[in-house]
Amino acid sequence: MEGKGKELAIGPSLRNESSVIDSHSYYLARRTTLEMLRDRGYEVSEEEINLSLQEFRAIYGERLNVDRLRISTQHRSDSSKRIAVVFCGSGMVKVNAMRGIAADVLSRESITGLILVLENHITNQALKAVELFSFKVELFQITDLLVNITKHVLRPKHRVLNDKEKESLLKKFDIEEKQLPRLSKKDPTARYYGLEKGQVVKVTYEGELTESHVTYRCVC
């Protein structure tokens, strides 16, 4: 589902007081989220990514207050890009809760992107409220972040081409963007990298029985 430049990866819920939540699940989800931000080019501390479960629990406790898991960081090569990540609690996300998140985030900083990590369901009215945001919003189920899909042994390696590399590729093969194989924005890897329509990725396949080979795909 999309609206005004926002990508809504159907997910679930919102900040809740201090609900009792599985700290291990949030530990895994937060680690994957940090890796995802790093791979998108945002400033992320390797020390924070490499926190052990024991260290995570020492910092955030067994009874998690999800507000404390918030992440905010800027892009390494473009300081005008800043993204915030809000981890939501166990309750269903309704429109008032979504408005509350927006007001809270915007009162703290100016951002160009927002990721909501959700645990429960989200109402249609809340989704419509998200469409009114002036920046890109992505919704992830917490269960989608328990494992980093890019580390799976069967997952080919993806690398996003910058504009210069993309133009060079099209010129080299004398083709147009639309002639490249397509990659859906709903593909898990496309979502992981936050890819937009028109971006091109280099996909490298490695196999034990066959030699590695490369293909290029355009996000549609």
N, C-alpha and C. Protein backbone atom coordinates (compact mmCIF):
# COMPACT_ATOMS: atom_id res chain seq x y z
N MET A 1 0.83 -1.18 0.00
CA MET A 1 0.00 0.00 0.00
C MET A 1 0.87 1.23 0.00
N GLU A 2 0.52 2.24 -0.83
CA GLU A 2 1.34 3.41 -0.93
C GLU A 2 0.48 4.66 -0.89
N GLY A 3 1.14 5.79 -0.59
CA GLY A 3 0.43 7.05 -0.62
C GLY A 3 1.41 8.19 -0.52
N LYS A 4 1.38 9.09 -1.50
CA LYS A 4 2.21 10.30 -1.47
C LYS A 4 3.66 10.04 -1.11
N GLY A 5 4.25 9.07 -1.78
CA GLY A 5 5.67 8.82 -1.56
C GLY A 5 5.98 7.97 -0.36
N LYS A 6 4.96 7.47 0.32
CA LYS A 6 5.19 6.66 1.49
C LYS A 6 5.00 5.20 1.15
N GLU A 7 5.76 4.33 1.75
CA GLU A 7 5.62 2.90 1.52
C GLU A 7 5.14 2.27 2.81
N LEU A 8 3.98 1.62 2.75
CA LEU A 8 3.42 1.02 3.94
C LEU A 8 3.52 -0.49 3.84
N ALA A 9 4.45 -1.05 4.55
CA ALA A 9 4.61 -2.49 4.60
C ALA A 9 3.71 -2.96 5.72
N ILE A 10 2.58 -3.54 5.37
CA ILE A 10 1.56 -3.84 6.37
C ILE A 10 2.16 -4.45 7.61
N GLY A 11 1.83 -3.86 8.73
CA GLY A 11 2.37 -4.30 9.99
C GLY A 11 1.38 -4.02 11.08
N PRO A 12 1.79 -3.78 12.25
CA PRO A 12 1.02 -3.70 13.46
C PRO A 12 1.17 -2.53 14.39
N SER A 13 1.52 -2.43 15.49
CA SER A 13 1.06 -1.54 16.52
C SER A 13 1.87 -0.43 17.10
N LEU A 14 1.55 0.05 18.19
CA LEU A 14 2.05 1.30 18.70
C LEU A 14 2.55 1.27 20.11
N ARG A 15 3.28 2.31 20.47
CA ARG A 15 3.87 2.44 21.78
C ARG A 15 2.82 2.14 22.86
N ASN A 16 3.23 1.44 23.86
CA ASN A 16 2.38 1.11 24.98
C ASN A 16 3.17 1.42 26.22
N GLU A 17 2.52 1.74 27.28
CA GLU A 17 3.21 2.09 28.52
C GLU A 17 4.42 1.20 28.75
N SER A 18 4.36 0.37 29.76
CA SER A 18 5.50 -0.51 30.03
C SER A 18 5.02 -1.95 30.01
N SER A 19 4.46 -2.35 28.88
CA SER A 19 3.91 -3.69 28.77
C SER A 19 5.03 -4.72 28.84
N VAL A 20 4.67 -5.90 29.33
CA VAL A 20 5.65 -6.98 29.42
C VAL A 20 5.80 -7.59 28.03
N ILE A 21 6.96 -7.44 27.44
CA ILE A 21 7.20 -7.89 26.08
C ILE A 21 8.41 -8.81 26.08
N ASP A 22 8.44 -9.71 25.13
CA ASP A 22 9.57 -10.61 25.01
C ASP A 22 10.81 -9.81 24.65
N SER A 23 11.70 -9.59 25.61
CA SER A 23 12.87 -8.76 25.36
C SER A 23 13.79 -9.39 24.32
N HIS A 24 13.80 -10.71 24.23
CA HIS A 24 14.65 -11.36 23.23
C HIS A 24 14.20 -11.00 21.82
N SER A 25 12.89 -10.99 21.58
CA SER A 25 12.37 -10.64 20.26
C SER A 25 12.73 -9.21 19.90
N TYR A 26 12.61 -8.31 20.87
CA TYR A 26 12.95 -6.91 20.60
C TYR A 26 14.45 -6.72 20.44
N TYR A 27 15.22 -7.51 21.12
CA TYR A 27 16.68 -7.47 20.95
C TYR A 27 17.04 -7.84 19.51
N LEU A 28 16.46 -8.91 19.00
CA LEU A 28 16.75 -9.37 17.65
C LEU A 28 16.25 -8.35 16.62
N ALA A 29 15.02 -7.85 16.82
CA ALA A 29 14.43 -6.90 15.87
C ALA A 29 15.22 -5.60 15.82
N ARG A 30 15.66 -5.12 16.98
CA ARG A 30 16.42 -3.87 17.01
C ARG A 30 17.78 -4.05 16.35
N ARG A 31 18.40 -5.19 16.56
CA ARG A 31 19.69 -5.46 15.93
C ARG A 31 19.55 -5.49 14.41
N THR A 32 18.54 -6.17 13.91
CA THR A 32 18.31 -6.22 12.47
C THR A 32 18.01 -4.83 11.92
N THR A 33 17.24 -4.05 12.66
CA THR A 33 16.92 -2.69 12.23
C THR A 33 18.17 -1.84 12.13
N LEU A 34 19.07 -1.96 13.10
CA LEU A 34 20.33 -1.22 13.07
C LEU A 34 21.18 -1.65 11.87
N GLU A 35 21.21 -2.95 11.60
CA GLU A 35 21.96 -3.44 10.43
C GLU A 35 21.35 -2.91 9.14
N MET A 36 20.03 -2.87 9.11
CA MET A 36 19.32 -2.37 7.93
C MET A 36 19.64 -0.90 7.68
N LEU A 37 19.65 -0.10 8.75
CA LEU A 37 19.99 1.32 8.61
C LEU A 37 21.43 1.49 8.14
N ARG A 38 22.33 0.71 8.71
CA ARG A 38 23.74 0.76 8.29
C ARG A 38 23.87 0.44 6.81
N ASP A 39 23.15 -0.61 6.35
CA ASP A 39 23.24 -1.02 4.96
C ASP A 39 22.57 -0.03 4.02
N ARG A 40 21.72 0.83 4.56
CA ARG A 40 21.11 1.88 3.75
C ARG A 40 21.98 3.14 3.72
N GLY A 41 23.09 3.12 4.47
CA GLY A 41 24.01 4.25 4.44
C GLY A 41 23.90 5.20 5.61
N TYR A 42 23.15 4.81 6.65
CA TYR A 42 22.99 5.67 7.81
C TYR A 42 24.08 5.40 8.84
N GLU A 43 24.35 6.40 9.66
CA GLU A 43 25.38 6.28 10.70
C GLU A 43 24.87 5.40 11.84
N VAL A 44 25.51 4.27 12.00
CA VAL A 44 25.14 3.32 13.05
C VAL A 44 26.41 2.79 13.69
N SER A 45 26.42 2.72 15.00
CA SER A 45 27.58 2.23 15.73
C SER A 45 27.63 0.70 15.68
N GLU A 46 28.77 0.16 15.27
CA GLU A 46 28.95 -1.29 15.28
C GLU A 46 28.86 -1.83 16.71
N GLU A 47 29.29 -1.01 17.65
CA GLU A 47 29.22 -1.41 19.06
C GLU A 47 27.78 -1.64 19.48
N GLU A 48 26.87 -0.78 18.99
CA GLU A 48 25.46 -0.93 19.32
C GLU A 48 24.87 -2.16 18.64
N ILE A 49 25.26 -2.39 17.39
CA ILE A 49 24.77 -3.56 16.66
C ILE A 49 25.20 -4.84 17.36
N ASN A 50 26.41 -4.84 17.88
CA ASN A 50 27.00 -6.05 18.45
C ASN A 50 26.70 -6.25 19.94
N LEU A 51 25.76 -5.48 20.48
CA LEU A 51 25.36 -5.70 21.87
C LEU A 51 24.92 -7.15 22.06
N SER A 52 25.35 -7.77 23.13
CA SER A 52 24.86 -9.11 23.44
C SER A 52 23.47 -9.00 24.06
N LEU A 53 22.75 -10.11 24.10
CA LEU A 53 21.43 -10.12 24.72
C LEU A 53 21.54 -9.71 26.19
N GLN A 54 22.55 -10.19 26.85
CA GLN A 54 22.76 -9.86 28.26
C GLN A 54 22.97 -8.35 28.43
N GLU A 55 23.77 -7.75 27.56
CA GLU A 55 24.01 -6.31 27.62
C GLU A 55 22.74 -5.54 27.31
N PHE A 56 21.98 -6.02 26.32
CA PHE A 56 20.72 -5.37 25.96
C PHE A 56 19.76 -5.36 27.15
N ARG A 57 19.65 -6.49 27.83
CA ARG A 57 18.75 -6.57 28.98
C ARG A 57 19.24 -5.73 30.14
N ALA A 58 20.56 -5.60 30.27
CA ALA A 58 21.11 -4.77 31.34
C ALA A 58 20.77 -3.30 31.10
N ILE A 59 20.72 -2.90 29.83
CA ILE A 59 20.43 -1.51 29.48
C ILE A 59 18.93 -1.23 29.50
N TYR A 60 18.15 -2.11 28.87
CA TYR A 60 16.72 -1.84 28.68
C TYR A 60 15.81 -2.60 29.63
N GLY A 61 16.34 -3.60 30.33
CA GLY A 61 15.55 -4.34 31.30
C GLY A 61 14.69 -5.43 30.68
N GLU A 62 14.15 -6.29 31.54
CA GLU A 62 13.26 -7.37 31.10
C GLU A 62 11.88 -6.82 30.76
N ARG A 63 11.41 -5.86 31.56
CA ARG A 63 10.12 -5.22 31.30
C ARG A 63 10.39 -3.99 30.44
N LEU A 64 10.29 -4.19 29.13
CA LEU A 64 10.70 -3.14 28.20
C LEU A 64 9.72 -1.98 28.15
N ASN A 65 10.27 -0.79 28.19
CA ASN A 65 9.53 0.41 27.83
C ASN A 65 9.96 0.70 26.39
N VAL A 66 9.08 0.42 25.44
CA VAL A 66 9.48 0.47 24.03
C VAL A 66 9.94 1.85 23.58
N ASP A 67 9.54 2.90 24.28
CA ASP A 67 9.99 4.24 23.92
C ASP A 67 11.51 4.35 23.98
N ARG A 68 12.13 3.60 24.85
CA ARG A 68 13.58 3.68 25.04
C ARG A 68 14.35 3.03 23.89
N LEU A 69 13.65 2.25 23.06
CA LEU A 69 14.30 1.57 21.94
C LEU A 69 14.39 2.47 20.70
N ARG A 70 13.85 3.65 20.77
CA ARG A 70 13.84 4.58 19.64
C ARG A 70 15.25 4.77 19.06
N ILE A 71 15.31 4.89 17.74
CA ILE A 71 16.57 5.13 17.03
C ILE A 71 16.41 6.38 16.19
N SER A 72 17.43 7.20 16.14
CA SER A 72 17.44 8.38 15.27
C SER A 72 18.85 8.57 14.74
N THR A 73 18.98 8.68 13.41
CA THR A 73 20.32 8.79 12.84
C THR A 73 20.25 9.48 11.48
N GLN A 74 21.37 10.07 11.08
CA GLN A 74 21.42 10.73 9.78
C GLN A 74 22.25 9.92 8.80
N HIS A 75 22.07 10.23 7.51
CA HIS A 75 22.77 9.51 6.45
C HIS A 75 24.23 9.92 6.42
N ARG A 76 25.10 8.94 6.16
CA ARG A 76 26.54 9.21 6.17
C ARG A 76 26.96 10.19 5.08
N SER A 77 26.40 10.06 3.89
CA SER A 77 26.84 10.90 2.77
C SER A 77 25.90 12.06 2.47
N ASP A 78 24.78 12.13 3.15
CA ASP A 78 23.81 13.21 2.93
C ASP A 78 23.20 13.59 4.27
N SER A 79 23.78 14.60 4.90
CA SER A 79 23.34 14.99 6.24
C SER A 79 21.93 15.57 6.28
N SER A 80 21.36 15.86 5.11
CA SER A 80 19.99 16.37 5.08
C SER A 80 18.97 15.24 5.29
N LYS A 81 19.44 14.00 5.20
CA LYS A 81 18.55 12.85 5.37
C LYS A 81 18.68 12.31 6.80
N ARG A 82 17.59 12.32 7.52
CA ARG A 82 17.56 11.79 8.88
C ARG A 82 16.34 10.89 9.02
N ILE A 83 16.55 9.74 9.65
CA ILE A 83 15.46 8.78 9.82
C ILE A 83 15.29 8.44 11.29
N ALA A 84 14.06 8.21 11.68
CA ALA A 84 13.75 7.81 13.05
C ALA A 84 13.07 6.45 13.02
N VAL A 85 13.32 5.66 14.04
CA VAL A 85 12.69 4.34 14.18
C VAL A 85 11.96 4.32 15.52
N VAL A 86 10.68 4.00 15.48
CA VAL A 86 9.88 3.91 16.70
C VAL A 86 9.37 2.48 16.85
N PHE A 87 9.65 1.88 17.99
CA PHE A 87 9.16 0.53 18.29
C PHE A 87 7.84 0.65 19.03
N CYS A 88 6.85 -0.07 18.53
CA CYS A 88 5.50 0.07 19.06
C CYS A 88 5.16 -1.09 19.99
N GLY A 89 4.28 -0.84 20.90
CA GLY A 89 3.90 -1.83 21.90
C GLY A 89 2.88 -2.83 21.42
N SER A 90 2.20 -3.44 22.36
CA SER A 90 1.35 -4.60 22.04
C SER A 90 -0.09 -4.25 21.67
N GLY A 91 -0.50 -3.02 21.89
CA GLY A 91 -1.88 -2.66 21.59
C GLY A 91 -2.12 -2.43 20.11
N MET A 92 -3.39 -2.52 19.69
CA MET A 92 -3.73 -2.24 18.31
C MET A 92 -3.49 -0.76 18.00
N VAL A 93 -2.97 -0.48 16.84
CA VAL A 93 -2.70 0.91 16.45
C VAL A 93 -3.95 1.52 15.84
N LYS A 94 -4.44 2.54 16.51
CA LYS A 94 -5.61 3.27 16.01
C LYS A 94 -5.17 4.65 15.57
N VAL A 95 -6.08 5.38 14.96
CA VAL A 95 -5.72 6.66 14.34
C VAL A 95 -5.18 7.66 15.36
N ASN A 96 -5.75 7.71 16.55
CA ASN A 96 -5.25 8.66 17.55
C ASN A 96 -3.83 8.32 17.98
N ALA A 97 -3.54 7.03 18.07
CA ALA A 97 -2.19 6.61 18.44
C ALA A 97 -1.20 7.01 17.35
N MET A 98 -1.60 6.86 16.09
CA MET A 98 -0.72 7.23 14.99
C MET A 98 -0.46 8.73 14.99
N ARG A 99 -1.50 9.51 15.27
CA ARG A 99 -1.32 10.96 15.34
C ARG A 99 -0.39 11.32 16.50
N GLY A 100 -0.51 10.57 17.59
CA GLY A 100 0.35 10.82 18.73
C GLY A 100 1.81 10.56 18.41
N ILE A 101 2.08 9.49 17.66
CA ILE A 101 3.44 9.18 17.25
C ILE A 101 3.99 10.31 16.38
N ALA A 102 3.17 10.76 15.42
CA ALA A 102 3.61 11.82 14.51
C ALA A 102 3.95 13.09 15.29
N ALA A 103 3.07 13.47 16.21
CA ALA A 103 3.29 14.69 16.98
C ALA A 103 4.54 14.57 17.84
N ASP A 104 4.74 13.40 18.43
CA ASP A 104 5.88 13.19 19.31
C ASP A 104 7.19 13.24 18.53
N VAL A 105 7.22 12.53 17.39
CA VAL A 105 8.44 12.48 16.59
C VAL A 105 8.79 13.86 16.06
N LEU A 106 7.81 14.57 15.54
CA LEU A 106 8.07 15.87 14.93
C LEU A 106 8.41 16.94 15.97
N SER A 107 7.99 16.73 17.20
CA SER A 107 8.34 17.70 18.25
C SER A 107 9.79 17.56 18.68
N ARG A 108 10.40 16.43 18.37
CA ARG A 108 11.77 16.17 18.78
C ARG A 108 12.79 16.57 17.72
N GLU A 109 12.45 16.36 16.45
CA GLU A 109 13.44 16.58 15.39
C GLU A 109 12.78 16.68 14.03
N SER A 110 13.56 17.11 13.06
CA SER A 110 13.11 17.16 11.68
C SER A 110 13.63 15.92 10.98
N ILE A 111 12.75 15.12 10.42
CA ILE A 111 13.16 13.87 9.79
C ILE A 111 12.67 13.80 8.35
N THR A 112 13.31 12.93 7.58
CA THR A 112 12.91 12.70 6.19
C THR A 112 12.36 11.30 6.00
N GLY A 113 12.39 10.50 7.06
CA GLY A 113 11.87 9.14 6.98
C GLY A 113 11.55 8.59 8.36
N LEU A 114 10.60 7.68 8.41
CA LEU A 114 10.18 7.09 9.68
C LEU A 114 9.91 5.61 9.48
N ILE A 115 10.44 4.80 10.38
CA ILE A 115 10.15 3.36 10.39
C ILE A 115 9.41 3.04 11.68
N LEU A 116 8.29 2.36 11.57
CA LEU A 116 7.55 1.88 12.74
C LEU A 116 7.66 0.37 12.79
N VAL A 117 8.15 -0.13 13.91
CA VAL A 117 8.25 -1.58 14.12
C VAL A 117 7.06 -1.98 14.97
N LEU A 118 6.20 -2.81 14.42
CA LEU A 118 4.89 -3.05 14.99
C LEU A 118 4.70 -4.48 15.47
N GLU A 119 3.88 -4.61 16.48
CA GLU A 119 3.65 -5.93 17.08
C GLU A 119 2.22 -6.42 16.87
N ASN A 120 1.29 -5.51 16.69
CA ASN A 120 -0.13 -5.87 16.61
C ASN A 120 -0.71 -5.39 15.29
N HIS A 121 -2.04 -5.31 15.23
CA HIS A 121 -2.72 -4.89 14.01
C HIS A 121 -2.85 -3.37 13.96
N ILE A 122 -3.05 -2.85 12.75
CA ILE A 122 -3.24 -1.42 12.56
C ILE A 122 -4.55 -1.22 11.80
N THR A 123 -5.33 -0.25 12.22
CA THR A 123 -6.63 -0.03 11.61
C THR A 123 -6.49 0.70 10.28
N ASN A 124 -7.52 0.59 9.45
CA ASN A 124 -7.50 1.27 8.16
C ASN A 124 -7.43 2.78 8.33
N GLN A 125 -8.09 3.30 9.35
CA GLN A 125 -8.05 4.74 9.60
C GLN A 125 -6.64 5.19 9.96
N ALA A 126 -5.94 4.37 10.72
CA ALA A 126 -4.56 4.70 11.09
C ALA A 126 -3.67 4.69 9.85
N LEU A 127 -3.90 3.74 8.95
CA LEU A 127 -3.12 3.71 7.71
C LEU A 127 -3.36 4.95 6.87
N LYS A 128 -4.62 5.40 6.84
CA LYS A 128 -4.94 6.61 6.09
C LYS A 128 -4.25 7.83 6.71
N ALA A 129 -4.13 7.83 8.03
CA ALA A 129 -3.45 8.94 8.71
C ALA A 129 -1.97 8.97 8.34
N VAL A 130 -1.38 7.79 8.18
CA VAL A 130 0.02 7.70 7.80
C VAL A 130 0.24 8.32 6.42
N GLU A 131 -0.73 8.16 5.54
CA GLU A 131 -0.61 8.68 4.17
C GLU A 131 -0.52 10.20 4.13
N LEU A 132 -0.89 10.86 5.23
CA LEU A 132 -0.84 12.32 5.28
C LEU A 132 0.52 12.85 5.71
N PHE A 133 1.39 11.96 6.16
CA PHE A 133 2.72 12.40 6.58
C PHE A 133 3.47 12.97 5.38
N SER A 134 4.31 13.95 5.62
CA SER A 134 5.05 14.61 4.54
C SER A 134 6.34 13.88 4.18
N PHE A 135 6.63 12.79 4.89
CA PHE A 135 7.85 12.04 4.63
C PHE A 135 7.51 10.56 4.47
N LYS A 136 8.47 9.79 4.00
CA LYS A 136 8.25 8.36 3.79
C LYS A 136 8.11 7.64 5.12
N VAL A 137 7.10 6.78 5.20
CA VAL A 137 6.87 5.98 6.39
C VAL A 137 6.84 4.51 5.99
N GLU A 138 7.59 3.67 6.73
CA GLU A 138 7.60 2.24 6.47
C GLU A 138 7.16 1.51 7.73
N LEU A 139 6.29 0.53 7.55
CA LEU A 139 5.80 -0.25 8.67
C LEU A 139 6.31 -1.69 8.54
N PHE A 140 6.97 -2.15 9.58
CA PHE A 140 7.48 -3.52 9.60
C PHE A 140 6.87 -4.29 10.77
N GLN A 141 6.47 -5.51 10.51
CA GLN A 141 6.10 -6.41 11.59
C GLN A 141 7.37 -6.78 12.35
N ILE A 142 7.29 -6.88 13.65
CA ILE A 142 8.46 -7.25 14.43
C ILE A 142 8.95 -8.64 14.02
N THR A 143 8.03 -9.51 13.64
CA THR A 143 8.42 -10.86 13.23
C THR A 143 9.23 -10.86 11.93
N ASP A 144 9.09 -9.79 11.12
CA ASP A 144 9.86 -9.70 9.88
C ASP A 144 11.32 -9.33 10.15
N LEU A 145 11.60 -8.89 11.37
CA LEU A 145 12.93 -8.39 11.69
C LEU A 145 13.70 -9.27 12.67
N LEU A 146 13.15 -10.42 12.99
CA LEU A 146 13.84 -11.31 13.91
C LEU A 146 15.10 -11.91 13.30
N VAL A 147 15.11 -11.99 11.97
CA VAL A 147 16.26 -12.51 11.23
C VAL A 147 16.59 -11.54 10.11
N ASN A 148 17.87 -11.28 9.90
CA ASN A 148 18.30 -10.43 8.79
C ASN A 148 18.32 -11.28 7.52
N ILE A 149 17.37 -11.03 6.63
CA ILE A 149 17.22 -11.88 5.44
C ILE A 149 18.43 -11.80 4.52
N THR A 150 19.17 -10.71 4.56
CA THR A 150 20.31 -10.58 3.65
C THR A 150 21.46 -11.50 4.05
N LYS A 151 21.41 -12.06 5.25
CA LYS A 151 22.46 -12.97 5.72
C LYS A 151 22.16 -14.43 5.41
N HIS A 152 20.97 -14.70 4.87
CA HIS A 152 20.60 -16.08 4.58
C HIS A 152 21.51 -16.64 3.49
N VAL A 153 21.95 -17.88 3.67
CA VAL A 153 22.91 -18.49 2.76
C VAL A 153 22.38 -18.59 1.34
N LEU A 154 21.05 -18.68 1.17
CA LEU A 154 20.46 -18.81 -0.16
C LEU A 154 20.09 -17.46 -0.78
N ARG A 155 20.24 -16.39 -0.04
CA ARG A 155 19.87 -15.07 -0.55
C ARG A 155 21.04 -14.47 -1.34
N PRO A 156 20.83 -14.14 -2.63
CA PRO A 156 21.93 -13.53 -3.39
C PRO A 156 22.29 -12.16 -2.83
N LYS A 157 23.49 -11.72 -3.11
CA LYS A 157 23.96 -10.43 -2.61
C LYS A 157 23.42 -9.31 -3.48
N HIS A 158 22.85 -8.29 -2.83
CA HIS A 158 22.31 -7.14 -3.54
C HIS A 158 23.15 -5.90 -3.23
N ARG A 159 23.41 -5.11 -4.24
CA ARG A 159 24.07 -3.82 -4.02
C ARG A 159 23.34 -2.76 -4.83
N VAL A 160 22.95 -1.69 -4.17
CA VAL A 160 22.20 -0.63 -4.83
C VAL A 160 23.17 0.27 -5.60
N LEU A 161 22.88 0.49 -6.88
CA LEU A 161 23.71 1.37 -7.69
C LEU A 161 23.33 2.82 -7.44
N ASN A 162 24.33 3.69 -7.42
CA ASN A 162 24.02 5.12 -7.33
C ASN A 162 23.64 5.62 -8.73
N ASP A 163 23.24 6.86 -8.84
CA ASP A 163 22.74 7.39 -10.12
C ASP A 163 23.80 7.31 -11.22
N LYS A 164 25.04 7.60 -10.86
CA LYS A 164 26.11 7.58 -11.85
C LYS A 164 26.35 6.15 -12.35
N GLU A 165 26.35 5.19 -11.44
CA GLU A 165 26.54 3.79 -11.82
C GLU A 165 25.38 3.30 -12.68
N LYS A 166 24.19 3.73 -12.34
CA LYS A 166 23.01 3.33 -13.11
C LYS A 166 23.11 3.84 -14.54
N GLU A 167 23.44 5.11 -14.71
CA GLU A 167 23.54 5.68 -16.05
C GLU A 167 24.65 5.01 -16.85
N SER A 168 25.75 4.69 -16.18
CA SER A 168 26.86 4.02 -16.85
C SER A 168 26.45 2.64 -17.33
N LEU A 169 25.68 1.93 -16.51
CA LEU A 169 25.20 0.59 -16.87
C LEU A 169 24.29 0.65 -18.10
N LEU A 170 23.33 1.57 -18.09
CA LEU A 170 22.39 1.69 -19.21
C LEU A 170 23.11 2.06 -20.50
N LYS A 171 24.11 2.93 -20.36
CA LYS A 171 24.88 3.35 -21.53
C LYS A 171 25.73 2.20 -22.06
N LYS A 172 26.34 1.44 -21.15
CA LYS A 172 27.21 0.33 -21.54
C LYS A 172 26.48 -0.69 -22.38
N PHE A 173 25.24 -1.03 -21.98
CA PHE A 173 24.48 -2.05 -22.68
C PHE A 173 23.48 -1.46 -23.68
N ASP A 174 23.49 -0.11 -23.77
CA ASP A 174 22.61 0.59 -24.71
C ASP A 174 21.14 0.15 -24.54
N ILE A 175 20.70 0.22 -23.30
CA ILE A 175 19.32 -0.17 -22.98
C ILE A 175 18.64 0.93 -22.18
N GLU A 176 17.33 0.81 -22.05
CA GLU A 176 16.56 1.73 -21.23
C GLU A 176 16.24 1.04 -19.91
N GLU A 177 15.92 1.84 -18.93
CA GLU A 177 15.60 1.32 -17.59
C GLU A 177 14.52 0.24 -17.63
N LYS A 178 13.50 0.45 -18.46
CA LYS A 178 12.36 -0.48 -18.52
C LYS A 178 12.73 -1.83 -19.11
N GLN A 179 13.91 -1.94 -19.73
CA GLN A 179 14.33 -3.20 -20.32
C GLN A 179 15.03 -4.12 -19.33
N LEU A 180 15.34 -3.61 -18.15
CA LEU A 180 15.97 -4.43 -17.13
C LEU A 180 14.94 -5.35 -16.47
N PRO A 181 15.36 -6.50 -15.97
CA PRO A 181 14.45 -7.35 -15.18
C PRO A 181 13.91 -6.55 -14.00
N ARG A 182 12.70 -6.86 -13.59
CA ARG A 182 12.03 -6.07 -12.56
C ARG A 182 12.21 -6.67 -11.17
N LEU A 183 12.23 -5.78 -10.19
CA LEU A 183 12.25 -6.17 -8.78
C LEU A 183 11.13 -5.42 -8.09
N SER A 184 10.17 -6.15 -7.55
CA SER A 184 9.02 -5.52 -6.91
C SER A 184 9.42 -4.79 -5.63
N LYS A 185 8.80 -3.65 -5.38
CA LYS A 185 9.05 -2.92 -4.13
C LYS A 185 8.62 -3.73 -2.92
N LYS A 186 7.77 -4.73 -3.15
CA LYS A 186 7.28 -5.56 -2.05
C LYS A 186 8.24 -6.72 -1.75
N ASP A 187 9.23 -6.91 -2.60
CA ASP A 187 10.21 -7.96 -2.36
C ASP A 187 10.91 -7.68 -1.02
N PRO A 188 11.11 -8.72 -0.19
CA PRO A 188 11.75 -8.50 1.13
C PRO A 188 13.08 -7.78 1.06
N THR A 189 13.88 -8.07 0.05
CA THR A 189 15.17 -7.40 -0.07
C THR A 189 14.99 -5.94 -0.43
N ALA A 190 14.05 -5.64 -1.32
CA ALA A 190 13.77 -4.25 -1.69
C ALA A 190 13.29 -3.46 -0.47
N ARG A 191 12.49 -4.09 0.35
CA ARG A 191 12.01 -3.44 1.56
C ARG A 191 13.15 -3.22 2.55
N TYR A 192 14.03 -4.19 2.66
CA TYR A 192 15.16 -4.09 3.57
C TYR A 192 16.01 -2.86 3.25
N TYR A 193 16.27 -2.66 1.96
CA TYR A 193 17.10 -1.53 1.54
C TYR A 193 16.30 -0.24 1.34
N GLY A 194 14.99 -0.31 1.50
CA GLY A 194 14.16 0.88 1.33
C GLY A 194 14.19 1.41 -0.08
N LEU A 195 14.18 0.51 -1.06
CA LEU A 195 14.34 0.91 -2.45
C LEU A 195 13.11 1.60 -3.00
N GLU A 196 13.37 2.57 -3.89
CA GLU A 196 12.31 3.32 -4.54
C GLU A 196 12.22 2.92 -6.01
N LYS A 197 11.07 3.25 -6.60
CA LYS A 197 10.85 2.93 -8.00
C LYS A 197 11.94 3.59 -8.86
N GLY A 198 12.51 2.80 -9.78
CA GLY A 198 13.52 3.33 -10.69
C GLY A 198 14.95 3.05 -10.25
N GLN A 199 15.13 2.64 -8.98
CA GLN A 199 16.48 2.32 -8.54
C GLN A 199 16.90 0.97 -9.12
N VAL A 200 18.21 0.83 -9.34
CA VAL A 200 18.74 -0.40 -9.93
C VAL A 200 19.67 -1.08 -8.93
N VAL A 201 19.54 -2.39 -8.82
CA VAL A 201 20.40 -3.15 -7.91
C VAL A 201 21.19 -4.19 -8.70
N LYS A 202 22.41 -4.39 -8.24
CA LYS A 202 23.26 -5.44 -8.80
C LYS A 202 23.08 -6.68 -7.94
N VAL A 203 22.69 -7.78 -8.55
CA VAL A 203 22.41 -9.01 -7.82
C VAL A 203 23.46 -10.06 -8.20
N THR A 204 24.19 -10.51 -7.19
CA THR A 204 25.25 -11.50 -7.43
C THR A 204 24.84 -12.84 -6.85
N TYR A 205 24.77 -13.84 -7.71
CA TYR A 205 24.40 -15.19 -7.30
C TYR A 205 25.66 -16.03 -7.17
N GLU A 206 25.75 -16.75 -6.05
CA GLU A 206 26.90 -17.64 -5.84
C GLU A 206 26.36 -19.04 -5.62
N GLY A 207 27.00 -20.03 -6.21
CA GLY A 207 26.56 -21.40 -6.03
C GLY A 207 27.73 -22.37 -5.97
N GLU A 208 27.51 -23.48 -5.28
CA GLU A 208 28.56 -24.49 -5.17
C GLU A 208 28.74 -25.26 -6.47
N LEU A 209 27.64 -25.42 -7.20
CA LEU A 209 27.68 -26.23 -8.41
C LEU A 209 27.90 -25.39 -9.66
N THR A 210 27.60 -24.11 -9.59
CA THR A 210 27.76 -23.24 -10.75
C THR A 210 28.61 -22.03 -10.36
N GLU A 211 29.22 -21.42 -11.36
CA GLU A 211 30.01 -20.23 -11.11
C GLU A 211 29.09 -19.07 -10.75
N SER A 212 29.64 -18.11 -10.04
CA SER A 212 28.84 -16.95 -9.67
C SER A 212 28.48 -16.15 -10.93
N HIS A 213 27.31 -15.54 -10.93
CA HIS A 213 26.92 -14.71 -12.05
C HIS A 213 26.17 -13.49 -11.53
N VAL A 214 26.14 -12.46 -12.35
CA VAL A 214 25.58 -11.18 -11.94
C VAL A 214 24.44 -10.78 -12.86
N THR A 215 23.41 -10.21 -12.27
CA THR A 215 22.33 -9.63 -13.06
C THR A 215 21.95 -8.29 -12.44
N TYR A 216 21.24 -7.49 -13.20
CA TYR A 216 20.80 -6.19 -12.70
C TYR A 216 19.28 -6.12 -12.78
N ARG A 217 18.68 -5.57 -11.74
CA ARG A 217 17.23 -5.49 -11.70
C ARG A 217 16.81 -4.08 -11.32
N CYS A 218 15.70 -3.64 -11.91
CA CYS A 218 15.18 -2.30 -11.65
C CYS A 218 13.92 -2.41 -10.80
N VAL A 219 13.84 -1.57 -9.79
CA VAL A 219 12.72 -1.61 -8.85
C VAL A 219 11.48 -1.01 -9.52
N CYS A 220 10.38 -1.73 -9.41
CA CYS A 220 9.13 -1.26 -10.02
C CYS A 220 8.03 -1.19 -8.97
